[in-house]
Amino acid sequence: MSEEFLIHGPNRLIPIPEISIGKRIYDSLKEAGPEEVAYIDVKTERFLTHNDFLKLTCRLARALQNCGYKSNDVISISGENNNYFFVPVVAGFYLGMISAPLNHNYTERELLHSAGIAKPKIIFCSKTKLKTYLDLQRKVDYIERIIIMDPMDKTSGFDTIEDFIEKHCEKNFKEDDLKITEVNIFEHLACILYSSGTTGFPKGVMTTHDNIAMRMSHFRDPRIHAAGPETIMGCLPFFHGYGFMTNVTGLAKKNKIVVMQRFEEAKFLKAIEKFKINNISIVPPIMNFLVKNPMVDNYDLTSLHEITCGAAPLSHELEQAAGKKFSYVSNLRQGYGLTEATLAITMMPSNERRSGSSGKVVPEMTVKICDPETRKSLGPNQIGEICVKGRMVTKGYYGDEKATKTCFTEDGWLLTGDLAYYDKDGYFYVVDRLKELIKYKAFQVAPAELEAILIANPRIKDAGVVGKPDDEAGEVATAFIVKSDQSLTEDEVKKVISDQLSKPKHLHGGVYFVNEIPKNPSGKILRRQLRDLLVKQKSKL
């Protein structure tokens, strides 16, 4: 592959010790003051201090050791966001175990596939998902134990984390007694995170201790994030890479994390006001809500100094509207990343604004834009596939050499499948997913461009665009619309696009009105589900 037009991130400011993530978090927790809160639940206001968290994780690690669990054994965590979700994760880090968080909303078919990749020996789940995992345990031969995460969720015949500790950890055990397992941070897996699965079944992304260590260095870099501890919102799903890394890095930074089981509009706003949250990491649908919903004006959100939007492109128009509405937020920006590169690989630098851009390459990473067909490197303002190298890039897909080989070029570049360009100043602009492009005759149509225009219209609450097969054109753009104004017609929706875009981008495939746009937990549109709806509509004709 061509080595021209390489865009390098700056050198890191923060040293990276060659110790495990478990040791990093352990040392950070040891430094915390006795009253400093690590997690607080929005609904119940129950909380764990950093000291509580340290004691729990060390005692759980000891209990796991006493039951024979060791380095490289896999544990899974699954359930709604809660104060205890990361207790088994961190306990596992101490021992060199591998965490594989599972989406608690998965169907049986999806669970059999995803759990079957990592084959966890032990599962920590919420009480609401106990039956799901008991059913799974009966169908597979690798699950040895199921433990309920929250100690308050007592269930006859099943251990909670505290029950398990009481049975298997010595009464006089202290956190200083724990011997943390030494690992080769460059090779040893810390976790298996599942790719978003927008084009098929998820794959298990291998994430090393060094991958996470690099991400931690960014969270401490004042060029990218606030340097000191903050109060942050924990509303993104903890099992997802975005929410997972926000928590792991947040623990190492001694942040206070305000936990929401799931995103709920009024509770989200009330939590920011009540707990004086400084920093929120969100996805475009939440930004759309913050900008457009009048209820937002009923709450005092002025404690916010940073809003970071990721997981899907944020339109120039929506970002500009957010900048005007939240003028008191010094750091309102978006980033671009993917699970395979430990999340953000470009990020708008602190206190900079450039609407529509996902920022510059982060420290110690290298990015180039290449032609998807010829693999030739492209210069500024030319759209091509984002390719990545650096210390945050995954080793590959767990147990899937074929997918790993497909994901990388022969000379080691990670192929993201995302289309973007960068300007002469090195700012990146994500256009769309390569596989989601609509090919209309000789033209390529990016669904995200149409969606940004559609949702900017006040009569449209949400939108998703896919290509419909067409004998003459190949594919034609087709929109699925959630109405804000119930009187909105198909012709009016088509006119929104035809007034602003050229003919290849018009909605030649028509408009379908739906109650919601299917999305994964990080906010990405599940276009394959929209395509399935097209097939169903065709079968009715």
Protein backbone atom coordinates (compact mmCIF):
# COMPACT_ATOMS: atom_id res chain seq x y z
CA MET A 1 0.00 0.00 0.00
CA SER A 2 1.20 3.52 -0.82
CA GLU A 3 3.02 5.34 2.01
CA GLU A 4 2.36 8.88 0.76
CA PHE A 5 0.16 11.43 2.54
CA LEU A 6 0.50 9.97 6.03
CA ILE A 7 -1.08 12.05 8.80
CA HIS A 8 0.63 11.51 12.13
CA GLY A 9 -0.73 12.45 15.52
CA PRO A 10 1.59 14.40 17.85
CA ASN A 11 3.92 12.78 20.34
CA ARG A 12 2.24 11.87 23.62
CA LEU A 13 2.69 14.08 26.67
CA ILE A 14 1.83 11.43 29.23
CA PRO A 15 4.31 8.59 29.97
CA ILE A 16 2.91 5.06 29.70
CA PRO A 17 4.26 2.68 32.34
CA GLU A 18 4.62 -0.90 31.15
CA ILE A 19 2.29 -2.29 33.81
CA SER A 20 -1.12 -3.92 33.47
CA ILE A 21 -4.35 -1.94 33.35
CA GLY A 22 -5.28 -3.71 36.57
CA LYS A 23 -2.18 -2.30 38.29
CA ARG A 24 -2.88 1.16 36.82
CA ILE A 25 -6.41 1.20 38.22
CA TYR A 26 -5.33 -0.35 41.54
CA ASP A 27 -2.71 2.38 42.07
CA SER A 28 -5.19 5.10 41.16
CA LEU A 29 -7.84 3.78 43.55
CA LYS A 30 -5.26 3.58 46.33
CA GLU A 31 -4.52 7.30 45.88
CA ALA A 32 -8.19 8.37 46.15
CA GLY A 33 -9.50 10.09 49.25
CA PRO A 34 -11.74 8.00 51.55
CA GLU A 35 -14.90 9.93 50.67
CA GLU A 36 -14.36 10.34 46.92
CA VAL A 37 -17.27 8.79 45.02
CA ALA A 38 -16.58 6.45 42.10
CA TYR A 39 -20.17 5.56 41.15
CA ILE A 40 -23.55 6.98 42.10
CA ASP A 41 -26.86 5.65 40.80
CA VAL A 42 -29.27 8.29 39.47
CA LYS A 43 -32.39 6.42 40.52
CA THR A 44 -31.50 5.16 44.01
CA GLU A 45 -28.62 7.54 44.85
CA ARG A 46 -26.73 4.54 46.20
CA PHE A 47 -23.01 5.07 45.72
CA LEU A 48 -19.61 3.40 45.88
CA THR A 49 -16.54 5.36 46.91
CA HIS A 50 -13.23 4.64 45.24
CA ASN A 51 -12.22 3.00 48.51
CA ASP A 52 -15.33 0.76 48.46
CA PHE A 53 -14.60 -0.13 44.85
CA LEU A 54 -10.98 -1.01 45.64
CA LYS A 55 -11.96 -3.30 48.51
CA LEU A 56 -14.68 -5.04 46.47
CA THR A 57 -12.46 -5.61 43.43
CA CYS A 58 -9.55 -6.94 45.49
CA ARG A 59 -11.75 -9.30 47.51
CA LEU A 60 -13.53 -10.51 44.37
CA ALA A 61 -10.17 -11.13 42.69
CA ARG A 62 -9.07 -13.18 45.70
CA ALA A 63 -12.32 -15.18 45.65
CA LEU A 64 -11.84 -15.89 41.95
CA GLN A 65 -8.25 -17.03 42.61
CA ASN A 66 -9.41 -19.33 45.40
CA CYS A 67 -11.92 -20.90 42.98
CA GLY A 68 -9.14 -21.65 40.49
CA TYR A 69 -9.67 -18.85 37.97
CA LYS A 70 -6.47 -17.51 36.44
CA SER A 71 -4.82 -15.43 33.76
CA ASN A 72 -6.45 -15.68 30.28
CA ASP A 73 -9.71 -17.15 31.63
CA VAL A 74 -12.66 -15.23 30.20
CA ILE A 75 -15.43 -13.62 32.22
CA SER A 76 -18.53 -11.93 30.80
CA ILE A 77 -20.55 -9.11 32.29
CA SER A 78 -24.09 -8.45 31.15
CA GLY A 79 -26.92 -6.28 32.39
CA GLU A 80 -28.26 -2.78 32.64
CA ASN A 81 -25.77 -0.09 33.66
CA ASN A 82 -25.19 -0.23 37.42
CA ASN A 83 -22.65 0.65 40.11
CA TYR A 84 -21.21 -2.88 40.15
CA PHE A 85 -20.78 -3.52 36.43
CA PHE A 86 -17.02 -2.83 36.47
CA VAL A 87 -16.27 -4.62 39.74
CA PRO A 88 -15.73 -8.01 37.98
CA VAL A 89 -14.03 -6.27 35.05
CA VAL A 90 -11.38 -4.68 37.26
CA ALA A 91 -11.04 -7.77 39.48
CA GLY A 92 -10.36 -9.70 36.28
CA PHE A 93 -7.76 -7.13 35.19
CA TYR A 94 -5.90 -7.71 38.47
CA LEU A 95 -5.59 -11.42 37.64
CA GLY A 96 -4.85 -11.13 33.92
CA MET A 97 -8.32 -12.46 33.08
CA ILE A 98 -10.11 -11.31 29.93
CA SER A 99 -13.43 -9.44 30.12
CA ALA A 100 -16.01 -9.98 27.38
CA PRO A 101 -19.06 -7.75 28.09
CA LEU A 102 -22.27 -8.96 26.45
CA ASN A 103 -25.27 -6.97 25.27
CA HIS A 104 -28.08 -7.85 27.68
CA ASN A 105 -30.65 -7.07 24.98
CA TYR A 106 -29.40 -9.83 22.69
CA THR A 107 -31.79 -12.53 21.56
CA GLU A 108 -30.90 -16.16 22.24
CA ARG A 109 -29.54 -16.53 18.71
CA GLU A 110 -27.29 -13.46 19.12
CA LEU A 111 -26.10 -14.59 22.56
CA LEU A 112 -25.20 -18.07 21.35
CA HIS A 113 -23.08 -16.45 18.64
CA SER A 114 -21.40 -13.73 20.73
CA ALA A 115 -20.83 -15.73 23.91
CA GLY A 116 -19.65 -18.58 21.70
CA ILE A 117 -16.77 -16.42 20.46
CA ALA A 118 -15.25 -15.75 23.90
CA LYS A 119 -16.62 -18.82 25.77
CA PRO A 120 -16.68 -17.22 29.24
CA LYS A 121 -16.22 -19.52 32.23
CA ILE A 122 -18.12 -17.19 34.53
CA ILE A 123 -20.90 -14.68 33.87
CA PHE A 124 -21.83 -11.74 36.08
CA CYS A 125 -25.33 -10.57 35.18
CA SER A 126 -28.17 -8.43 36.47
CA LYS A 127 -31.05 -10.17 38.21
CA THR A 128 -33.35 -9.32 35.30
CA LYS A 129 -31.14 -11.40 32.97
CA LEU A 130 -30.61 -14.41 35.23
CA LYS A 131 -33.12 -16.62 33.38
CA THR A 132 -31.54 -15.68 30.02
CA TYR A 133 -28.12 -16.88 31.13
CA LEU A 134 -29.44 -19.98 32.86
CA ASP A 135 -31.08 -20.91 29.56
CA LEU A 136 -27.78 -20.22 27.77
CA GLN A 137 -25.84 -22.29 30.31
CA ARG A 138 -28.04 -25.30 29.57
CA LYS A 139 -27.21 -25.05 25.87
CA VAL A 140 -23.40 -24.69 26.12
CA ASP A 141 -20.62 -26.46 27.99
CA TYR A 142 -18.27 -23.60 28.90
CA ILE A 143 -20.22 -21.58 31.52
CA GLU A 144 -19.22 -22.79 35.01
CA ARG A 145 -20.81 -20.10 37.19
CA ILE A 146 -23.42 -17.35 37.03
CA ILE A 147 -23.24 -14.58 39.63
CA ILE A 148 -25.63 -11.67 40.14
CA MET A 149 -23.84 -8.32 40.06
CA ASP A 150 -25.83 -6.15 42.45
CA PRO A 151 -25.65 -7.30 46.11
CA MET A 152 -29.15 -5.90 46.69
CA ASP A 153 -30.65 -8.27 44.10
CA LYS A 154 -30.95 -11.30 46.37
CA THR A 155 -32.29 -14.40 44.62
CA SER A 156 -32.76 -17.74 46.31
CA GLY A 157 -30.09 -20.23 45.27
CA PHE A 158 -27.84 -17.73 43.47
CA ASP A 159 -24.83 -15.80 44.69
CA THR A 160 -24.46 -12.07 44.36
CA ILE A 161 -20.93 -10.66 44.14
CA GLU A 162 -20.88 -10.17 47.91
CA ASP A 163 -22.21 -13.71 48.57
CA PHE A 164 -19.48 -15.14 46.34
CA ILE A 165 -16.82 -13.09 48.16
CA GLU A 166 -18.12 -14.17 51.58
CA LYS A 167 -17.92 -17.84 50.57
CA HIS A 168 -14.55 -17.80 48.85
CA CYS A 169 -12.43 -14.94 50.26
CA GLU A 170 -10.68 -15.09 53.64
CA LYS A 171 -12.33 -12.89 56.30
CA ASN A 172 -9.07 -11.15 57.21
CA PHE A 173 -8.02 -10.51 53.59
CA LYS A 174 -6.90 -6.93 52.85
CA GLU A 175 -6.39 -5.24 49.49
CA ASP A 176 -2.65 -4.97 50.18
CA ASP A 177 -2.54 -8.79 50.28
CA LEU A 178 -3.49 -9.12 46.62
CA LYS A 179 -0.66 -9.96 44.24
CA ILE A 180 -1.51 -8.43 40.89
CA THR A 181 -0.60 -10.64 37.93
CA GLU A 182 2.18 -9.27 35.75
CA VAL A 183 1.47 -9.38 32.00
CA ASN A 184 3.14 -8.40 28.75
CA ILE A 185 0.98 -5.33 28.05
CA PHE A 186 1.70 -5.44 24.31
CA GLU A 187 0.42 -8.99 23.85
CA HIS A 188 -1.92 -9.81 26.74
CA LEU A 189 -5.65 -9.33 26.15
CA ALA A 190 -7.54 -7.16 28.62
CA CYS A 191 -10.92 -7.57 26.97
CA ILE A 192 -12.89 -8.78 23.99
CA LEU A 193 -15.22 -6.04 22.79
CA TYR A 194 -17.78 -6.73 20.14
CA SER A 195 -17.85 -4.78 16.91
CA SER A 196 -21.06 -2.91 16.18
CA GLY A 197 -22.49 -5.45 13.77
CA THR A 198 -24.16 -2.96 11.43
CA THR A 199 -23.44 -5.27 8.49
CA GLY A 200 -23.78 -8.65 10.15
CA PHE A 201 -23.07 -10.64 13.31
CA PRO A 202 -20.67 -8.97 15.76
CA LYS A 203 -17.04 -10.07 15.90
CA GLY A 204 -14.89 -10.19 19.03
CA VAL A 205 -12.28 -7.43 18.92
CA MET A 206 -9.09 -8.30 20.82
CA THR A 207 -8.04 -5.34 22.98
CA THR A 208 -4.69 -5.46 24.77
CA HIS A 209 -3.55 -3.75 27.95
CA ASP A 210 -1.36 -1.50 25.79
CA ASN A 211 -4.31 -0.53 23.57
CA ILE A 212 -6.15 0.71 26.67
CA ALA A 213 -3.02 2.31 28.14
CA MET A 214 -2.71 4.50 25.02
CA ARG A 215 -6.36 5.49 25.36
CA MET A 216 -5.76 6.34 29.02
CA SER A 217 -2.89 8.62 28.03
CA HIS A 218 -5.28 10.58 25.80
CA PHE A 219 -7.76 11.01 28.65
CA ARG A 220 -4.99 12.64 30.69
CA ASP A 221 -3.73 14.80 27.82
CA PRO A 222 -4.90 18.44 28.19
CA ARG A 223 -4.72 18.87 24.41
CA ILE A 224 -7.64 16.41 24.18
CA HIS A 225 -9.43 16.20 27.56
CA ALA A 226 -9.58 17.99 30.89
CA ALA A 227 -6.52 16.85 32.85
CA GLY A 228 -8.04 16.34 36.31
CA PRO A 229 -10.88 14.21 37.75
CA GLU A 230 -14.38 15.13 36.57
CA THR A 231 -18.00 14.24 37.20
CA ILE A 232 -19.16 12.41 34.09
CA MET A 233 -22.38 10.85 32.86
CA GLY A 234 -22.64 7.08 32.58
CA CYS A 235 -25.64 6.71 30.27
CA LEU A 236 -24.00 4.96 27.29
CA PRO A 237 -24.34 1.17 27.53
CA PHE A 238 -21.47 -0.15 29.63
CA PHE A 239 -21.17 -3.31 27.50
CA HIS A 240 -20.47 -1.24 24.39
CA GLY A 241 -16.92 -0.16 23.54
CA TYR A 242 -17.75 3.56 23.87
CA GLY A 243 -19.31 3.21 27.33
CA PHE A 244 -16.80 0.55 28.39
CA MET A 245 -13.73 2.68 27.68
CA THR A 246 -15.31 5.78 29.23
CA ASN A 247 -15.60 3.83 32.49
CA VAL A 248 -12.21 2.09 32.45
CA THR A 249 -10.35 5.32 31.72
CA GLY A 250 -12.64 7.19 34.13
CA LEU A 251 -11.69 4.86 36.99
CA ALA A 252 -7.99 5.36 36.31
CA LYS A 253 -8.59 9.14 36.29
CA LYS A 254 -10.61 8.95 39.55
CA ASN A 255 -13.74 10.42 37.93
CA LYS A 256 -17.14 10.37 39.61
CA ILE A 257 -19.45 8.43 37.29
CA VAL A 258 -23.19 9.15 37.51
CA VAL A 259 -24.95 5.95 36.43
CA MET A 260 -28.16 5.73 34.41
CA GLN A 261 -29.53 2.27 33.62
CA ARG A 262 -30.51 3.57 30.22
CA PHE A 263 -30.97 6.94 28.55
CA GLU A 264 -34.22 8.61 29.61
CA GLU A 265 -34.71 12.21 28.56
CA ALA A 266 -35.99 13.89 31.75
CA LYS A 267 -33.77 11.82 34.07
CA PHE A 268 -30.75 12.63 31.92
CA LEU A 269 -31.35 16.37 32.18
CA LYS A 270 -32.20 16.23 35.88
CA ALA A 271 -29.00 14.28 36.61
CA ILE A 272 -26.82 16.88 34.89
CA GLU A 273 -28.47 19.62 36.95
CA LYS A 274 -28.50 17.77 40.29
CA PHE A 275 -25.03 16.21 40.24
CA LYS A 276 -23.34 19.14 38.48
CA ILE A 277 -22.00 16.91 35.71
CA ASN A 278 -19.02 18.44 33.86
CA ASN A 279 -18.62 16.09 30.93
CA ILE A 280 -20.98 14.01 28.80
CA SER A 281 -20.07 11.57 26.04
CA ILE A 282 -23.07 11.11 23.77
CA VAL A 283 -24.22 9.92 20.34
CA PRO A 284 -25.95 11.97 17.58
CA PRO A 285 -29.55 11.04 18.57
CA ILE A 286 -28.92 12.49 22.06
CA MET A 287 -27.38 15.62 20.56
CA ASN A 288 -30.44 15.93 18.33
CA PHE A 289 -32.65 15.73 21.44
CA LEU A 290 -30.56 18.33 23.31
CA VAL A 291 -30.81 20.78 20.43
CA LYS A 292 -34.43 20.28 19.37
CA ASN A 293 -36.48 19.33 22.43
CA PRO A 294 -37.97 22.34 24.28
CA MET A 295 -37.91 20.48 27.64
CA VAL A 296 -34.12 20.98 27.71
CA ASP A 297 -34.67 24.68 28.48
CA ASN A 298 -36.31 23.75 31.82
CA TYR A 299 -33.03 22.51 33.30
CA ASP A 300 -29.80 24.19 34.38
CA LEU A 301 -27.02 22.47 32.40
CA THR A 302 -24.38 25.15 32.92
CA SER A 303 -22.12 22.78 34.89
CA LEU A 304 -21.19 21.21 31.54
CA HIS A 305 -17.82 22.21 30.14
CA GLU A 306 -17.36 19.31 27.69
CA ILE A 307 -19.75 17.53 25.31
CA THR A 308 -18.20 14.88 23.07
CA CYS A 309 -20.27 13.24 20.37
CA GLY A 310 -19.17 10.03 18.67
CA ALA A 311 -20.20 6.63 17.21
CA ALA A 312 -21.75 8.19 14.08
CA PRO A 313 -21.19 11.40 12.08
CA LEU A 314 -22.70 14.60 13.47
CA SER A 315 -23.92 16.98 10.79
CA HIS A 316 -22.45 20.46 10.38
CA GLU A 317 -25.90 21.98 10.90
CA LEU A 318 -26.64 20.10 14.12
CA GLU A 319 -23.19 20.83 15.55
CA GLN A 320 -23.56 24.53 14.78
CA ALA A 321 -27.00 24.62 16.42
CA ALA A 322 -25.58 22.87 19.49
CA GLY A 323 -22.71 25.38 19.66
CA LYS A 324 -25.17 28.27 19.72
CA LYS A 325 -27.48 26.66 22.29
CA PHE A 326 -24.66 25.57 24.61
CA SER A 327 -22.38 28.58 24.22
CA TYR A 328 -21.17 28.09 27.81
CA VAL A 329 -19.66 24.67 26.95
CA SER A 330 -15.99 25.35 26.24
CA ASN A 331 -15.37 21.99 24.60
CA LEU A 332 -18.19 20.90 22.29
CA ARG A 333 -16.82 18.60 19.65
CA GLN A 334 -16.99 15.25 17.94
CA GLY A 335 -14.52 12.45 17.41
CA TYR A 336 -14.18 9.49 15.09
CA GLY A 337 -13.17 6.00 16.05
CA LEU A 338 -14.04 2.34 16.04
CA THR A 339 -13.83 -0.59 18.42
CA GLU A 340 -10.97 -2.07 16.38
CA ALA A 341 -8.84 0.99 17.24
CA THR A 342 -9.89 1.34 20.90
CA LEU A 343 -12.35 4.07 20.00
CA ALA A 344 -11.26 7.63 19.13
CA ILE A 345 -8.47 7.96 16.56
CA THR A 346 -9.38 11.51 15.60
CA MET A 347 -10.67 14.10 18.06
CA MET A 348 -11.26 17.83 17.89
CA PRO A 349 -8.55 19.35 20.11
CA SER A 350 -9.64 20.99 23.36
CA ASN A 351 -11.30 24.39 22.97
CA GLU A 352 -11.30 24.29 19.17
CA ARG A 353 -14.38 24.45 16.97
CA ARG A 354 -14.74 23.35 13.35
CA SER A 355 -18.31 22.26 12.64
CA GLY A 356 -18.71 18.98 10.81
CA SER A 357 -15.15 17.84 11.53
CA SER A 358 -14.22 14.95 13.78
CA GLY A 359 -10.92 16.64 14.54
CA LYS A 360 -7.26 15.73 14.15
CA VAL A 361 -5.34 12.49 14.59
CA VAL A 362 -4.71 11.73 18.29
CA PRO A 363 -1.19 11.24 19.70
CA GLU A 364 0.89 8.27 18.55
CA MET A 365 -1.58 7.23 15.83
CA THR A 366 -1.17 7.43 12.05
CA VAL A 367 -3.99 7.75 9.54
CA LYS A 368 -4.19 7.90 5.78
CA ILE A 369 -6.99 8.12 3.25
CA CYS A 370 -6.75 5.64 0.39
CA ASP A 371 -8.66 4.82 -2.75
CA PRO A 372 -10.78 1.73 -1.92
CA GLU A 373 -10.05 0.17 -5.30
CA THR A 374 -6.37 0.95 -5.99
CA ARG A 375 -5.22 1.44 -2.35
CA LYS A 376 -3.39 4.57 -3.51
CA SER A 377 -2.95 7.20 -0.75
CA LEU A 378 -4.97 10.34 -1.33
CA GLY A 379 -4.14 13.95 -0.56
CA PRO A 380 -6.27 16.66 1.10
CA ASN A 381 -9.95 17.03 0.16
CA GLN A 382 -10.15 13.64 -1.60
CA ILE A 383 -12.67 11.13 -0.27
CA GLY A 384 -11.41 7.63 0.44
CA GLU A 385 -11.25 4.89 3.06
CA ILE A 386 -9.74 5.66 6.46
CA CYS A 387 -6.75 3.40 7.20
CA VAL A 388 -5.06 3.34 10.60
CA LYS A 389 -1.84 2.27 12.31
CA GLY A 390 -0.69 2.76 15.90
CA ARG A 391 -0.68 1.43 19.44
CA MET A 392 -4.46 1.50 19.83
CA VAL A 393 -5.09 -0.84 16.89
CA THR A 394 -6.43 -4.30 17.76
CA LYS A 395 -4.49 -7.53 17.33
CA GLY A 396 -7.49 -8.79 15.35
CA TYR A 397 -10.70 -10.75 15.90
CA TYR A 398 -10.74 -13.38 18.62
CA GLY A 399 -10.75 -16.87 17.13
CA ASP A 400 -11.31 -15.58 13.60
CA GLU A 401 -8.15 -15.52 11.52
CA LYS A 402 -10.08 -15.10 8.29
CA ALA A 403 -11.85 -11.93 9.46
CA THR A 404 -8.58 -10.63 10.92
CA LYS A 405 -6.79 -11.12 7.61
CA THR A 406 -9.60 -9.30 5.77
CA CYS A 407 -9.44 -6.40 8.22
CA PHE A 408 -5.75 -5.62 7.61
CA THR A 409 -3.59 -4.95 4.57
CA GLU A 410 -0.48 -7.05 4.11
CA ASP A 411 1.65 -4.21 5.46
CA GLY A 412 -0.43 -3.81 8.61
CA TRP A 413 -2.93 -1.02 7.96
CA LEU A 414 -6.33 -1.44 9.61
CA LEU A 415 -9.08 -1.00 7.01
CA THR A 416 -11.96 0.79 8.74
CA GLY A 417 -14.58 0.60 6.01
CA ASP A 418 -15.34 4.29 6.66
CA LEU A 419 -15.11 7.07 4.09
CA ALA A 420 -13.66 10.47 4.91
CA TYR A 421 -11.41 13.26 3.74
CA TYR A 422 -9.09 15.68 5.50
CA ASP A 423 -8.44 19.34 4.75
CA LYS A 424 -5.10 21.11 4.30
CA ASP A 425 -4.92 21.73 8.07
CA GLY A 426 -5.32 18.03 8.94
CA TYR A 427 -8.93 18.15 10.15
CA PHE A 428 -10.94 15.04 9.24
CA TYR A 429 -14.51 14.88 7.93
CA VAL A 430 -16.29 11.51 7.97
CA VAL A 431 -18.59 11.01 5.01
CA ASP A 432 -20.13 7.54 5.47
CA ARG A 433 -19.59 3.81 5.70
CA LEU A 434 -17.99 2.40 2.57
CA LYS A 435 -20.41 -0.54 2.53
CA GLU A 436 -23.42 1.72 3.03
CA LEU A 437 -22.88 3.85 -0.06
CA ILE A 438 -25.77 3.85 -2.50
CA LYS A 439 -24.56 3.39 -6.07
CA TYR A 440 -26.91 5.34 -8.34
CA LYS A 441 -25.79 4.81 -11.93
CA ALA A 442 -22.19 6.13 -11.96
CA PHE A 443 -22.66 8.17 -8.80
CA GLN A 444 -22.05 7.28 -5.16
CA VAL A 445 -24.64 8.57 -2.69
CA ALA A 446 -23.83 8.76 1.03
CA PRO A 447 -26.90 8.06 3.22
CA ALA A 448 -25.51 10.17 6.08
CA GLU A 449 -25.60 13.29 3.88
CA LEU A 450 -29.31 12.82 3.16
CA GLU A 451 -30.09 11.95 6.78
CA ALA A 452 -28.40 15.11 8.05
CA ILE A 453 -30.60 17.24 5.79
CA LEU A 454 -33.77 15.35 6.69
CA ILE A 455 -33.37 15.51 10.49
CA ALA A 456 -32.48 19.21 10.28
CA ASN A 457 -36.11 19.74 9.20
CA PRO A 458 -38.29 20.51 12.26
CA ARG A 459 -41.13 18.37 10.87
CA ILE A 460 -38.91 15.26 10.88
CA LYS A 461 -37.96 13.62 14.19
CA ASP A 462 -35.60 10.98 12.77
CA ALA A 463 -34.56 9.49 9.46
CA GLY A 464 -32.70 6.58 7.93
CA VAL A 465 -31.70 6.18 4.28
CA VAL A 466 -30.76 3.03 2.36
CA GLY A 467 -30.46 1.96 -1.25
CA LYS A 468 -33.33 0.11 -2.94
CA PRO A 469 -32.39 -2.19 -5.84
CA ASP A 470 -33.40 -0.69 -9.18
CA ASP A 471 -33.06 -2.29 -12.62
CA GLU A 472 -32.14 0.94 -14.37
CA ALA A 473 -30.10 2.85 -11.79
CA GLY A 474 -28.63 -0.02 -9.78
CA GLU A 475 -29.80 1.48 -6.47
CA VAL A 476 -32.03 4.40 -5.57
CA ALA A 477 -32.09 6.33 -2.30
CA THR A 478 -35.04 5.42 -0.07
CA ALA A 479 -35.96 7.17 3.18
CA PHE A 480 -37.55 5.89 6.37
CA ILE A 481 -39.03 8.78 8.34
CA VAL A 482 -40.24 9.30 11.90
CA LYS A 483 -42.60 12.29 11.85
CA SER A 484 -42.60 15.24 14.23
CA ASP A 485 -45.52 16.73 12.30
CA GLN A 486 -48.14 14.08 11.58
CA SER A 487 -49.40 16.01 8.53
CA LEU A 488 -46.08 15.53 6.73
CA THR A 489 -46.48 13.84 3.32
CA GLU A 490 -44.17 11.75 1.14
CA ASP A 491 -43.94 14.49 -1.51
CA GLU A 492 -42.94 17.04 1.11
CA VAL A 493 -40.15 14.77 2.36
CA LYS A 494 -38.90 14.27 -1.19
CA LYS A 495 -38.88 18.02 -1.72
CA VAL A 496 -36.68 18.54 1.35
CA ILE A 497 -33.97 16.59 -0.51
CA SER A 498 -34.65 17.75 -4.07
CA ASP A 499 -34.46 21.40 -2.97
CA GLN A 500 -30.93 20.91 -1.64
CA LEU A 501 -29.23 18.05 -3.49
CA SER A 502 -28.57 16.96 -7.06
CA LYS A 503 -30.70 14.40 -8.90
CA PRO A 504 -28.66 11.26 -8.06
CA LYS A 505 -29.34 11.97 -4.38
CA HIS A 506 -33.10 12.44 -4.70
CA LEU A 507 -35.40 9.95 -2.98
CA HIS A 508 -36.18 7.98 -6.14
CA GLY A 509 -36.94 4.92 -4.02
CA GLY A 510 -39.72 6.66 -2.12
CA VAL A 511 -40.48 7.39 1.52
CA TYR A 512 -41.74 5.07 4.26
CA PHE A 513 -43.15 6.42 7.51
CA VAL A 514 -42.20 4.38 10.59
CA ASN A 515 -42.44 4.67 14.38
CA GLU A 516 -38.68 4.46 14.95
CA ILE A 517 -35.37 4.04 13.17
CA PRO A 518 -33.60 0.83 14.29
CA LYS A 519 -30.21 1.60 15.87
CA ASN A 520 -27.58 -0.23 17.82
CA PRO A 521 -26.75 0.88 21.41
CA SER A 522 -24.15 3.39 20.24
CA GLY A 523 -26.63 5.16 17.95
CA LYS A 524 -25.59 3.75 14.58
CA ILE A 525 -28.44 3.07 12.18
CA LEU A 526 -28.98 -0.63 11.52
CA ARG A 527 -29.41 -0.28 7.78
CA ARG A 528 -29.73 -4.00 7.20
CA GLN A 529 -32.95 -3.89 9.23
CA LEU A 530 -34.20 -1.06 7.04
CA ARG A 531 -33.34 -3.13 3.97
CA ASP A 532 -35.29 -6.02 5.49
CA LEU A 533 -38.29 -3.67 5.75
CA LEU A 534 -37.91 -2.89 2.06
CA VAL A 535 -38.04 -6.60 1.23
CA LYS A 536 -41.20 -6.99 3.33
CA GLN A 537 -42.81 -4.00 1.62
CA LYS A 538 -42.02 -5.49 -1.80
CA SER A 539 -43.53 -8.85 -0.83
CA LYS A 540 -46.82 -7.12 0.00
CA LEU A 541 -47.14 -5.72 -3.52
